[in-house]
C-alpha atoms as a PDB file:
ATOM      1  CA  UNK A   1     130.262  71.273 132.962  1.00  0.00           C
ATOM      2  CA  UNK A   2     129.565  71.331 129.225  1.00  0.00           C
ATOM      3  CA  UNK A   3     131.743  73.027 126.601  1.00  0.00           C
ATOM      4  CA  UNK A   4     130.817  73.939 122.994  1.00  0.00           C
ATOM      5  CA  UNK A   5     132.759  72.398 120.134  1.00  0.00           C
ATOM      6  CA  UNK A   6     135.940  74.107 118.966  1.00  0.00           C
ATOM      7  CA  UNK A   7     134.695  74.359 115.377  1.00  0.00           C
ATOM      8  CA  UNK A   8     131.573  76.200 116.558  1.00  0.00           C
ATOM      9  CA  UNK A   9     133.689  78.624 118.609  1.00  0.00           C
ATOM     10  CA  UNK A  10     135.994  79.190 115.622  1.00  0.00           C
ATOM     11  CA  UNK A  11     133.019  80.053 113.374  1.00  0.00           C
ATOM     12  CA  UNK A  12     131.592  82.284 116.111  1.00  0.00           C
ATOM     13  CA  UNK A  13     134.889  84.168 116.463  1.00  0.00           C
ATOM     14  CA  UNK A  14     135.088  84.431 112.667  1.00  0.00           C
ATOM     15  CA  UNK A  15     131.669  86.155 112.715  1.00  0.00           C
ATOM     16  CA  UNK A  16     132.730  88.614 115.456  1.00  0.00           C
ATOM     17  CA  UNK A  17     135.718  88.324 117.742  1.00  0.00           C
ATOM     18  CA  UNK A  18     133.722  89.722 120.687  1.00  0.00           C
ATOM     19  CA  UNK A  19     131.250  86.826 120.600  1.00  0.00           C
ATOM     20  CA  UNK A  20     131.604  83.864 122.938  1.00  0.00           C
ATOM     21  CA  UNK A  21     129.641  80.844 124.080  1.00  0.00           C
ATOM     22  CA  UNK A  22     129.434  79.325 127.533  1.00  0.00           C
ATOM     23  CA  UNK A  23     127.264  76.969 129.535  1.00  0.00           C
ATOM     24  CA  UNK A  24     125.035  78.808 132.000  1.00  0.00           C
ATOM     25  CA  UNK A  25     124.238  76.539 134.983  1.00  0.00           C
ATOM     26  CA  UNK A  26     121.374  78.780 136.130  1.00  0.00           C
ATOM     27  CA  UNK A  27     119.485  78.282 132.839  1.00  0.00           C
ATOM     28  CA  UNK A  28     120.948  74.834 132.175  1.00  0.00           C
ATOM     29  CA  UNK A  29     121.504  75.933 128.551  1.00  0.00           C
ATOM     30  CA  UNK A  30     124.291  77.337 126.428  1.00  0.00           C
ATOM     31  CA  UNK A  31     124.321  81.124 126.049  1.00  0.00           C
ATOM     32  CA  UNK A  32     125.988  83.149 123.308  1.00  0.00           C
ATOM     33  CA  UNK A  33     127.553  86.246 124.848  1.00  0.00           C
ATOM     34  CA  UNK A  34     128.995  89.531 123.609  1.00  0.00           C
ATOM     35  CA  UNK A  35     132.074  90.930 125.343  1.00  0.00           C
ATOM     36  CA  UNK A  36     131.652  94.689 125.918  1.00  0.00           C
ATOM     37  CA  UNK A  37     134.657  96.922 126.507  1.00  0.00           C
ATOM     38  CA  UNK A  38     133.210  97.924 129.896  1.00  0.00           C
ATOM     39  CA  UNK A  39     131.125  95.656 132.098  1.00  0.00           C
ATOM     40  CA  UNK A  40     132.037  92.188 130.867  1.00  0.00           C
ATOM     41  CA  UNK A  41     129.976  89.622 128.944  1.00  0.00           C
ATOM     42  CA  UNK A  42     126.350  90.287 128.001  1.00  0.00           C
ATOM     43  CA  UNK A  43     124.103  87.342 127.034  1.00  0.00           C
ATOM     44  CA  UNK A  44     122.714  87.694 123.516  1.00  0.00           C
ATOM     45  CA  UNK A  45     120.998  84.431 122.713  1.00  0.00           C
ATOM     46  CA  UNK A  46     119.861  81.390 124.660  1.00  0.00           C
ATOM     47  CA  UNK A  47     120.439  78.132 122.793  1.00  0.00           C
ATOM     48  CA  UNK A  48     117.585  75.681 123.245  1.00  0.00           C
ATOM     49  CA  UNK A  49     115.684  73.039 121.314  1.00  0.00           C
ATOM     50  CA  UNK A  50     112.202  73.249 119.804  1.00  0.00           C
ATOM     51  CA  UNK A  51     110.493  72.450 123.112  1.00  0.00           C
ATOM     52  CA  UNK A  52     112.924  74.511 125.181  1.00  0.00           C
ATOM     53  CA  UNK A  53     115.135  71.524 125.990  1.00  0.00           C
ATOM     54  CA  UNK A  54     118.933  71.508 126.199  1.00  0.00           C
ATOM     55  CA  UNK A  55     120.938  71.225 122.991  1.00  0.00           C
ATOM     56  CA  UNK A  56     124.488  71.860 121.863  1.00  0.00           C
ATOM     57  CA  UNK A  57     125.139  74.947 119.711  1.00  0.00           C
ATOM     58  CA  UNK A  58     125.563  74.370 115.973  1.00  0.00           C
ATOM     59  CA  UNK A  59     125.578  76.221 112.631  1.00  0.00           C
ATOM     60  CA  UNK A  60     121.874  77.103 112.909  1.00  0.00           C
ATOM     61  CA  UNK A  61     122.755  79.506 115.697  1.00  0.00           C
ATOM     62  CA  UNK A  62     125.511  81.148 113.657  1.00  0.00           C
ATOM     63  CA  UNK A  63     123.108  81.568 110.736  1.00  0.00           C
ATOM     64  CA  UNK A  64     120.545  83.112 113.082  1.00  0.00           C
ATOM     65  CA  UNK A  65     123.157  85.586 114.305  1.00  0.00           C
ATOM     66  CA  UNK A  66     124.170  86.427 110.725  1.00  0.00           C
ATOM     67  CA  UNK A  67     120.570  87.120 109.742  1.00  0.00           C
ATOM     68  CA  UNK A  68     120.038  89.296 112.816  1.00  0.00           C
ATOM     69  CA  UNK A  69     123.197  91.343 112.160  1.00  0.00           C
ATOM     70  CA  UNK A  70     121.931  94.463 110.387  1.00  0.00           C
ATOM     71  CA  UNK A  71     125.404  96.009 110.040  1.00  0.00           C
ATOM     72  CA  UNK A  72     126.610  93.276 107.678  1.00  0.00           C
ATOM     73  CA  UNK A  73     124.093  94.377 105.028  1.00  0.00           C
ATOM     74  CA  UNK A  74     124.803  97.784 103.449  1.00  0.00           C
ATOM     75  CA  UNK A  75     122.292 100.515 104.286  1.00  0.00           C
ATOM     76  CA  UNK A  76     121.380 101.115 100.622  1.00  0.00           C
ATOM     77  CA  UNK A  77     120.555  97.441 100.121  1.00  0.00           C
ATOM     78  CA  UNK A  78     118.420  97.339 103.293  1.00  0.00           C
ATOM     79  CA  UNK A  79     116.518 100.454 102.196  1.00  0.00           C
ATOM     80  CA  UNK A  80     115.902  98.971  98.730  1.00  0.00           C
ATOM     81  CA  UNK A  81     114.625  95.766 100.334  1.00  0.00           C
ATOM     82  CA  UNK A  82     112.249  97.709 102.570  1.00  0.00           C
ATOM     83  CA  UNK A  83     111.034  99.874  99.693  1.00  0.00           C
ATOM     84  CA  UNK A  84     110.389  96.814  97.519  1.00  0.00           C
ATOM     85  CA  UNK A  85     108.498  95.122 100.361  1.00  0.00           C
ATOM     86  CA  UNK A  86     106.254  98.159 100.913  1.00  0.00           C
ATOM     87  CA  UNK A  87     105.618  98.606  97.181  1.00  0.00           C
ATOM     88  CA  UNK A  88     104.603  94.961  96.874  1.00  0.00           C
ATOM     89  CA  UNK A  89     102.350  95.254  99.932  1.00  0.00           C
ATOM     90  CA  UNK A  90     100.625  98.338  98.513  1.00  0.00           C
ATOM     91  CA  UNK A  91     100.199  96.702  95.094  1.00  0.00           C
ATOM     92  CA  UNK A  92      98.681  93.573  96.624  1.00  0.00           C
ATOM     93  CA  UNK A  93      96.372  95.695  98.796  1.00  0.00           C
ATOM     94  CA  UNK A  94      95.181  97.656  95.739  1.00  0.00           C
ATOM     95  CA  UNK A  95      94.531  94.425  93.822  1.00  0.00           C
ATOM     96  CA  UNK A  96      92.681  92.917  96.772  1.00  0.00           C
ATOM     97  CA  UNK A  97      90.469  95.965  97.234  1.00  0.00           C
ATOM     98  CA  UNK A  98      89.794  96.217  93.472  1.00  0.00           C
ATOM     99  CA  UNK A  99      88.827  92.533  93.298  1.00  0.00           C
ATOM    100  CA  UNK A 100      86.682  92.779  96.409  1.00  0.00           C
ATOM    101  CA  UNK A 101      84.854  95.847  95.061  1.00  0.00           C
ATOM    102  CA  UNK A 102      84.315  94.104  91.737  1.00  0.00           C
ATOM    103  CA  UNK A 103      82.991  90.952  93.374  1.00  0.00           C
ATOM    104  CA  UNK A 104      80.626  92.901  95.616  1.00  0.00           C
ATOM    105  CA  UNK A 105      79.223  94.960  92.751  1.00  0.00           C
ATOM    106  CA  UNK A 106      78.712  91.865  90.619  1.00  0.00           C
ATOM    107  CA  UNK A 107      76.779  90.164  93.376  1.00  0.00           C
ATOM    108  CA  UNK A 108      74.788  93.241  94.355  1.00  0.00           C
ATOM    109  CA  UNK A 109      73.773  94.247  90.829  1.00  0.00           C
ATOM    110  CA  UNK A 110      71.447  91.303  90.393  1.00  0.00           C
ATOM    111  CA  UNK A 111      69.848  92.040  93.742  1.00  0.00           C
ATOM    112  CA  UNK A 112      69.628  95.820  93.473  1.00  0.00           C
ATOM    113  CA  UNK A 113      68.381  96.317  89.911  1.00  0.00           C
ATOM    114  CA  UNK A 114      64.921  94.798  90.533  1.00  0.00           C
ATOM    115  CA  UNK A 115      64.588  96.881  93.704  1.00  0.00           C
ATOM    116  CA  UNK A 116      65.501 100.087  91.857  1.00  0.00           C
ATOM    117  CA  UNK A 117      62.946  99.224  89.183  1.00  0.00           C
ATOM    118  CA  UNK A 118      60.296  98.627  91.840  1.00  0.00           C
ATOM    119  CA  UNK A 119      61.084 101.959  93.524  1.00  0.00           C
ATOM    120  CA  UNK A 120      60.889 103.756  90.169  1.00  0.00           C
ATOM    121  CA  UNK A 121      57.568 101.964  89.548  1.00  0.00           C
ATOM    122  CA  UNK A 122      58.748 100.407  86.316  1.00  0.00           C
ATOM    123  CA  UNK A 123      57.121  97.214  85.144  1.00  0.00           C
ATOM    124  CA  UNK A 124      58.922  94.045  84.145  1.00  0.00           C
ATOM    125  CA  UNK A 125      62.278  92.670  85.055  1.00  0.00           C
ATOM    126  CA  UNK A 126      64.017  95.955  84.202  1.00  0.00           C
ATOM    127  CA  UNK A 127      67.060  95.406  82.115  1.00  0.00           C
ATOM    128  CA  UNK A 128      67.645  91.754  82.786  1.00  0.00           C
ATOM    129  CA  UNK A 129      71.278  90.722  82.861  1.00  0.00           C
ATOM    130  CA  UNK A 130      70.513  87.729  80.703  1.00  0.00           C
ATOM    131  CA  UNK A 131      70.121  87.716  76.917  1.00  0.00           C
ATOM    132  CA  UNK A 132      66.729  88.819  75.714  1.00  0.00           C
ATOM    133  CA  UNK A 133      64.943  86.795  73.020  1.00  0.00           C
ATOM    134  CA  UNK A 134      63.271  88.992  70.458  1.00  0.00           C
ATOM    135  CA  UNK A 135      59.959  87.591  69.228  1.00  0.00           C
ATOM    136  CA  UNK A 136      59.422  87.373  65.480  1.00  0.00           C
ATOM    137  CA  UNK A 137      56.490  89.317  64.154  1.00  0.00           C
ATOM    138  CA  UNK A 138      53.523  87.345  62.755  1.00  0.00           C
ATOM    139  CA  UNK A 139      51.265  89.040  60.294  1.00  0.00           C
ATOM    140  CA  UNK A 140      50.722  92.809  60.183  1.00  0.00           C
ATOM    141  CA  UNK A 141      51.010  95.265  63.044  1.00  0.00           C
ATOM    142  CA  UNK A 142      48.266  97.667  64.070  1.00  0.00           C
ATOM    143  CA  UNK A 143      50.178 100.578  62.589  1.00  0.00           C
ATOM    144  CA  UNK A 144      50.446  98.832  59.224  1.00  0.00           C
ATOM    145  CA  UNK A 145      46.688  98.096  59.219  1.00  0.00           C
ATOM    146  CA  UNK A 146      45.766 101.700  60.116  1.00  0.00           C
ATOM    147  CA  UNK A 147      47.989 103.090  57.383  1.00  0.00           C
ATOM    148  CA  UNK A 148      46.282 100.775  54.924  1.00  0.00           C
ATOM    149  CA  UNK A 149      49.338  99.023  53.791  1.00  0.00           C
END
């Protein structure tokens, strides 16, 4: 029969005096239990290794219990944490959707503008996204010749 270390039991009792740890021969693992006022011990957590193998309880298990204990953290602090998490999630979602919309419109513009021009029966490349090169005028224009200038 295996027994947990005394220092582990001391830390466990320091966390909550109703907590205990015992070896469960049916599971062949240690089990952390909670002593109820009526009905005896209730198993809370099975202590096992990464692959489900046997291991002795240590401080990792106490830290896991501390993190799972919602009554140790004040309600106001928990609510603020949750609110901050949801605000961050919403902000990130808005940024993601804004960026995705921007990326899709940038890609689609170059594809859609020529099609719109074709549907409207307009000639040319229709408002090319690239810089246009203005040609320099050589000689006189037809309007200048007709005016007699």
